Amino acid sequence: MKIFIMTDMEGVCGVASFEEWATPQGRYYEEGKKLLTMEVNAAIDGFFAAGATEVLVMDGHGHGGINNLLLDNRAFYLKGPLPGPYPFMLDETYDAIAWVGQHAKAGTELAQMAHTGWFNVIDYKINGISVGEFGQIAMCGAALGVRSIFGAGDEAFTKEAAELVPGIETVSVKRGIMPGSGNEYSSEGYQERNNGAIHMHPDKARMFIRQGAELALRKFSENREQFALLKLDPPFTRAITYRTEGRKAAYTIKSEHPSSLIQLLNSK
């Protein structure tokens, strides 16, 4: 079994705010990278226990989120620049996709550091379906015939993943505390409002991630049909709504592609 793990930092247990934990200038950035890497290691261990033969870890956090010196030596590590963006070198040779450290999509209630690409986005829709960074990759995987089987992050993300991909195994490691969508905020204001969360202890989070990853792959090995394969029909449409910035009102950009979801995602 060949597994592709997509990673991010904002959904990691113990990563408490964006500027201080998820950016190079933040005082806790290196600690945040360690926390993410240890969660990824827990997932890797679970996957290998369930029969994985190869695991690739995609460092999906823009600034970089993996400490490669601490990464499980059974895994391969991928960081850009890449030969093209989506699907980030995911291809048909992989059996399944997993996520570690994932956050919820923009506008999600009770989500910590929720955003889609950046904090300036209100909503991102593909064929009328509101998706975040998770949904974009899950759809890419589905277009390639690769199923999504596991995701770890904040509670709001796990609900988002389960709604979009029935059957996916998820692990919640923390819970956002801010009600409402925050759609009325500017990018900077929206980023700051969603930093609050209630975290479990990182040791416990890693234990649950290991168990969840192993369970997911064992179920997948028994019957992959237990994990839904998203189906979208062409033509493919995209609508991205951006936040108000200064005197500039919120606005929406629309685009479409007659036959390829992946080419649509890569279009400007």
Protein backbone atom coordinates (compact mmCIF):
# COMPACT_ATOMS: atom_id res chain seq x y z
CA MET A 1 0.00 0.00 0.00
CA LYS A 2 1.37 3.36 -1.07
CA ILE A 3 0.15 6.33 1.01
CA PHE A 4 0.32 10.08 0.28
CA ILE A 5 0.19 12.28 3.42
CA MET A 6 -0.69 15.94 2.97
CA THR A 7 0.36 18.09 5.93
CA ASP A 8 -0.35 21.54 7.32
CA MET A 9 0.43 23.29 10.61
CA GLU A 10 -2.71 25.10 11.70
CA GLY A 11 -4.57 21.90 12.62
CA VAL A 12 -1.83 20.51 14.87
CA CYS A 13 -2.46 20.00 18.58
CA GLY A 14 -0.52 22.64 20.54
CA VAL A 15 -0.15 25.05 17.61
CA ALA A 16 -1.95 27.91 19.31
CA SER A 17 -1.84 30.86 16.90
CA PHE A 18 -0.84 31.63 13.34
CA GLU A 19 1.81 34.35 13.65
CA GLU A 20 3.65 32.89 16.66
CA TRP A 21 3.50 29.19 15.70
CA ALA A 22 3.11 28.88 11.92
CA THR A 23 5.40 31.58 10.48
CA PRO A 24 9.23 31.73 10.43
CA GLN A 25 9.25 34.97 12.43
CA GLY A 26 7.10 33.44 15.18
CA ARG A 27 8.76 32.70 18.50
CA TYR A 28 7.34 29.15 18.56
CA TYR A 29 7.73 28.25 14.88
CA GLU A 30 10.36 25.56 15.41
CA GLU A 31 8.28 24.06 18.23
CA GLY A 32 5.30 24.04 15.89
CA LYS A 33 7.30 22.14 13.28
CA LYS A 34 8.29 19.57 15.90
CA LEU A 35 4.68 19.11 16.97
CA LEU A 36 3.56 18.60 13.37
CA THR A 37 6.38 16.19 12.61
CA MET A 38 5.59 14.10 15.67
CA GLU A 39 1.92 13.89 14.64
CA VAL A 40 3.00 12.84 11.14
CA ASN A 41 5.27 10.20 12.67
CA ALA A 42 2.33 8.84 14.64
CA ALA A 43 0.32 8.50 11.42
CA ILE A 44 3.26 6.91 9.61
CA ASP A 45 3.65 4.36 12.40
CA GLY A 46 -0.04 3.51 12.22
CA PHE A 47 0.04 3.11 8.46
CA PHE A 48 3.06 0.82 8.50
CA ALA A 49 1.48 -1.25 11.27
CA ALA A 50 -1.51 -1.74 8.96
CA GLY A 51 0.59 -2.85 5.99
CA ALA A 52 1.78 0.29 4.20
CA THR A 53 4.79 -0.36 1.98
CA GLU A 54 5.58 3.26 1.06
CA VAL A 55 4.64 6.62 2.60
CA LEU A 56 5.31 10.03 1.06
CA VAL A 57 4.95 13.10 3.28
CA MET A 58 4.03 16.27 1.38
CA ASP A 59 4.99 19.40 3.34
CA GLY A 60 1.91 21.42 2.49
CA HIS A 61 2.47 24.39 4.80
CA GLY A 62 3.56 27.40 2.78
CA HIS A 63 6.50 28.34 5.01
CA GLY A 64 7.39 24.69 5.58
CA GLY A 65 6.11 22.70 8.54
CA ILE A 66 8.15 19.49 8.75
CA ASN A 67 11.41 19.07 10.66
CA ASN A 68 12.96 16.50 8.34
CA LEU A 69 15.62 15.52 10.90
CA LEU A 70 12.84 14.26 13.18
CA LEU A 71 10.73 12.61 10.47
CA ASP A 72 10.29 8.82 10.64
CA ASN A 73 13.05 7.40 8.46
CA ARG A 74 10.69 4.99 6.74
CA ALA A 75 8.95 7.88 4.98
CA PHE A 76 9.89 9.99 1.97
CA TYR A 77 9.70 13.78 2.28
CA LEU A 78 8.48 16.17 -0.43
CA LYS A 79 8.80 19.97 -0.44
CA GLY A 80 8.65 22.34 -3.42
CA PRO A 81 9.26 23.98 -5.74
CA LEU A 82 7.31 21.34 -7.59
CA PRO A 83 6.90 20.62 -11.31
CA GLY A 84 3.49 22.28 -11.25
CA PRO A 85 1.08 22.90 -8.35
CA TYR A 86 -2.03 20.68 -8.06
CA PRO A 87 -2.04 17.77 -7.42
CA PHE A 88 1.39 18.25 -5.74
CA MET A 89 2.85 15.10 -7.33
CA LEU A 90 -0.03 12.93 -6.20
CA ASP A 91 -0.71 10.43 -9.00
CA GLU A 92 -2.49 7.17 -9.80
CA THR A 93 0.30 5.05 -8.27
CA TYR A 94 -0.89 5.96 -4.75
CA ASP A 95 -3.53 3.85 -3.08
CA ALA A 96 -4.81 6.45 -0.62
CA ILE A 97 -4.47 10.00 0.72
CA ALA A 98 -4.29 11.12 4.35
CA TRP A 99 -4.09 14.52 6.07
CA VAL A 100 -2.28 15.53 9.26
CA GLY A 101 -2.46 19.00 10.83
CA GLN A 102 -5.36 20.07 8.63
CA HIS A 103 -7.57 23.06 9.41
CA ALA A 104 -11.14 23.80 8.35
CA LYS A 105 -12.18 25.85 5.34
CA ALA A 106 -12.80 29.60 5.43
CA GLY A 107 -15.93 30.74 7.24
CA THR A 108 -16.29 27.62 9.39
CA GLU A 109 -17.83 28.18 12.80
CA LEU A 110 -15.91 27.02 15.90
CA ALA A 111 -12.78 26.41 13.83
CA GLN A 112 -9.26 27.44 14.78
CA MET A 113 -7.28 29.39 12.16
CA ALA A 114 -9.81 28.43 9.47
CA HIS A 115 -8.93 29.64 5.98
CA THR A 116 -8.75 28.51 2.37
CA GLY A 117 -5.36 29.24 0.83
CA TRP A 118 -5.15 32.50 2.78
CA PHE A 119 -7.26 34.53 5.21
CA ASN A 120 -8.55 36.83 2.44
CA VAL A 121 -10.97 34.19 1.10
CA ILE A 122 -14.60 34.04 2.26
CA ASP A 123 -15.58 30.98 0.24
CA TYR A 124 -14.23 28.70 -2.48
CA LYS A 125 -16.68 26.63 -4.52
CA ILE A 126 -16.09 23.92 -7.07
CA ASN A 127 -19.18 22.92 -9.09
CA GLY A 128 -21.20 24.72 -6.43
CA ILE A 129 -19.65 22.75 -3.52
CA SER A 130 -17.95 24.83 -0.83
CA VAL A 131 -14.48 23.37 -0.18
CA GLY A 132 -11.28 24.20 1.63
CA GLU A 133 -7.73 23.01 1.16
CA PHE A 134 -8.78 19.49 2.17
CA GLY A 135 -11.59 19.38 -0.36
CA GLN A 136 -9.40 20.59 -3.20
CA ILE A 137 -6.89 17.77 -2.71
CA ALA A 138 -9.61 15.20 -2.04
CA MET A 139 -11.20 16.16 -5.36
CA CYS A 140 -7.85 15.92 -7.13
CA GLY A 141 -7.42 12.45 -5.66
CA ALA A 142 -10.87 11.42 -6.78
CA ALA A 143 -10.12 12.64 -10.32
CA LEU A 144 -7.09 10.33 -10.26
CA GLY A 145 -8.99 7.43 -8.67
CA VAL A 146 -7.22 7.81 -5.30
CA ARG A 147 -9.43 7.67 -2.21
CA SER A 148 -9.20 9.81 0.93
CA ILE A 149 -9.03 7.60 4.03
CA PHE A 150 -7.77 9.57 7.05
CA GLY A 151 -7.57 13.11 8.42
CA ALA A 152 -6.37 14.67 11.68
CA GLY A 153 -6.86 18.27 12.72
CA ASP A 154 -9.26 20.47 14.63
CA GLU A 155 -12.80 19.30 15.31
CA ALA A 156 -14.35 21.59 12.70
CA PHE A 157 -12.07 20.11 10.04
CA THR A 158 -13.02 16.54 10.98
CA LYS A 159 -16.71 17.41 10.54
CA GLU A 160 -15.97 19.04 7.18
CA ALA A 161 -14.03 15.97 6.01
CA ALA A 162 -16.72 13.51 7.10
CA GLU A 163 -19.42 15.52 5.32
CA LEU A 164 -17.49 15.70 2.05
CA VAL A 165 -16.05 12.16 2.08
CA PRO A 166 -18.38 9.64 3.75
CA GLY A 167 -16.44 6.86 5.46
CA ILE A 168 -13.21 8.78 6.06
CA GLU A 169 -11.58 8.11 9.45
CA THR A 170 -10.83 11.30 11.39
CA VAL A 171 -9.14 12.36 14.63
CA SER A 172 -9.92 15.66 16.35
CA VAL A 173 -7.02 17.03 18.43
CA LYS A 174 -8.46 20.43 19.43
CA ARG A 175 -11.62 22.52 19.23
CA GLY A 176 -12.04 26.12 18.10
CA ILE A 177 -14.07 28.40 20.34
CA MET A 178 -15.16 31.32 18.15
CA PRO A 179 -18.81 31.20 16.97
CA GLY A 180 -19.98 32.66 13.69
CA SER A 181 -18.48 32.71 10.21
CA GLY A 182 -16.44 35.90 10.55
CA ASN A 183 -17.36 36.83 6.99
CA GLU A 184 -17.71 40.47 8.00
CA TYR A 185 -14.00 40.72 8.93
CA SER A 186 -11.08 41.91 6.83
CA SER A 187 -8.25 39.43 6.18
CA GLU A 188 -6.20 40.62 9.15
CA GLY A 189 -9.18 40.73 11.49
CA TYR A 190 -10.36 37.28 10.40
CA GLN A 191 -6.91 35.80 11.00
CA GLU A 192 -6.76 37.15 14.54
CA ARG A 193 -10.33 36.24 15.58
CA ASN A 194 -9.86 32.49 15.07
CA ASN A 195 -6.71 31.82 17.11
CA GLY A 196 -8.53 30.53 20.20
CA ALA A 197 -8.94 26.78 20.81
CA ILE A 198 -9.13 24.10 23.48
CA HIS A 199 -6.33 21.54 22.95
CA MET A 200 -5.88 18.03 24.27
CA HIS A 201 -2.37 17.04 25.39
CA PRO A 202 -0.07 16.44 22.37
CA ASP A 203 0.88 12.97 23.65
CA LYS A 204 -2.77 11.94 23.66
CA ALA A 205 -3.31 13.49 20.22
CA ARG A 206 -0.47 11.45 18.77
CA MET A 207 -1.83 8.26 20.36
CA PHE A 208 -5.23 8.84 18.74
CA ILE A 209 -3.64 9.70 15.38
CA ARG A 210 -1.64 6.48 15.36
CA GLN A 211 -4.72 4.43 16.20
CA GLY A 212 -6.84 6.26 13.63
CA ALA A 213 -4.31 5.85 10.83
CA GLU A 214 -3.93 2.14 11.49
CA LEU A 215 -7.69 1.63 11.63
CA ALA A 216 -8.20 3.58 8.41
CA LEU A 217 -5.72 1.54 6.41
CA ARG A 218 -6.94 -1.76 7.81
CA LYS A 219 -10.50 -0.87 6.78
CA PHE A 220 -9.25 0.28 3.39
CA SER A 221 -7.36 -2.98 2.87
CA GLU A 222 -10.47 -4.97 3.72
CA ASN A 223 -12.76 -3.01 1.42
CA ARG A 224 -11.81 0.31 -0.15
CA GLU A 225 -15.42 0.93 -1.12
CA GLN A 226 -16.02 1.89 2.53
CA PHE A 227 -14.37 5.24 1.64
CA ALA A 228 -16.37 7.33 -0.80
CA LEU A 229 -14.75 8.34 -4.07
CA LEU A 230 -16.00 11.83 -4.89
CA LYS A 231 -17.65 12.17 -8.26
CA LEU A 232 -17.79 15.45 -10.15
CA ASP A 233 -19.01 15.80 -13.71
CA PRO A 234 -17.63 18.27 -16.28
CA PRO A 235 -17.69 21.06 -17.06
CA PHE A 236 -15.86 22.14 -13.91
CA THR A 237 -16.62 25.53 -12.42
CA ARG A 238 -14.91 27.54 -9.68
CA ALA A 239 -16.09 30.61 -7.76
CA ILE A 240 -13.81 32.29 -5.19
CA THR A 241 -15.22 35.07 -3.03
CA TYR A 242 -12.71 37.43 -1.41
CA ARG A 243 -13.04 39.60 1.68
CA THR A 244 -13.42 43.33 1.94
CA GLU A 245 -10.01 45.03 2.07
CA GLY A 246 -9.91 48.70 3.02
CA ARG A 247 -12.29 50.49 0.66
CA LYS A 248 -12.43 47.54 -1.71
CA ALA A 249 -15.71 45.63 -1.34
CA ALA A 250 -15.93 41.85 -1.28
CA TYR A 251 -15.89 40.35 -4.77
CA THR A 252 -16.11 36.98 -6.56
CA ILE A 253 -13.98 35.59 -9.38
CA LYS A 254 -15.41 32.78 -11.52
CA SER A 255 -13.70 30.41 -13.95
CA GLU A 256 -14.33 27.06 -15.59
CA HIS A 257 -12.72 24.26 -17.55
CA PRO A 258 -14.60 22.00 -19.95
CA SER A 259 -12.93 18.73 -18.97
CA SER A 260 -10.24 18.89 -16.25
CA LEU A 261 -10.71 19.67 -12.57
CA ILE A 262 -6.96 19.73 -11.98
CA GLN A 263 -6.36 22.19 -14.81
CA LEU A 264 -9.13 24.38 -13.41
CA LEU A 265 -7.47 24.42 -9.96
CA ASN A 266 -4.18 25.41 -11.56
CA SER A 267 -5.65 28.23 -13.63
CA LYS A 268 -5.18 31.83 -12.50
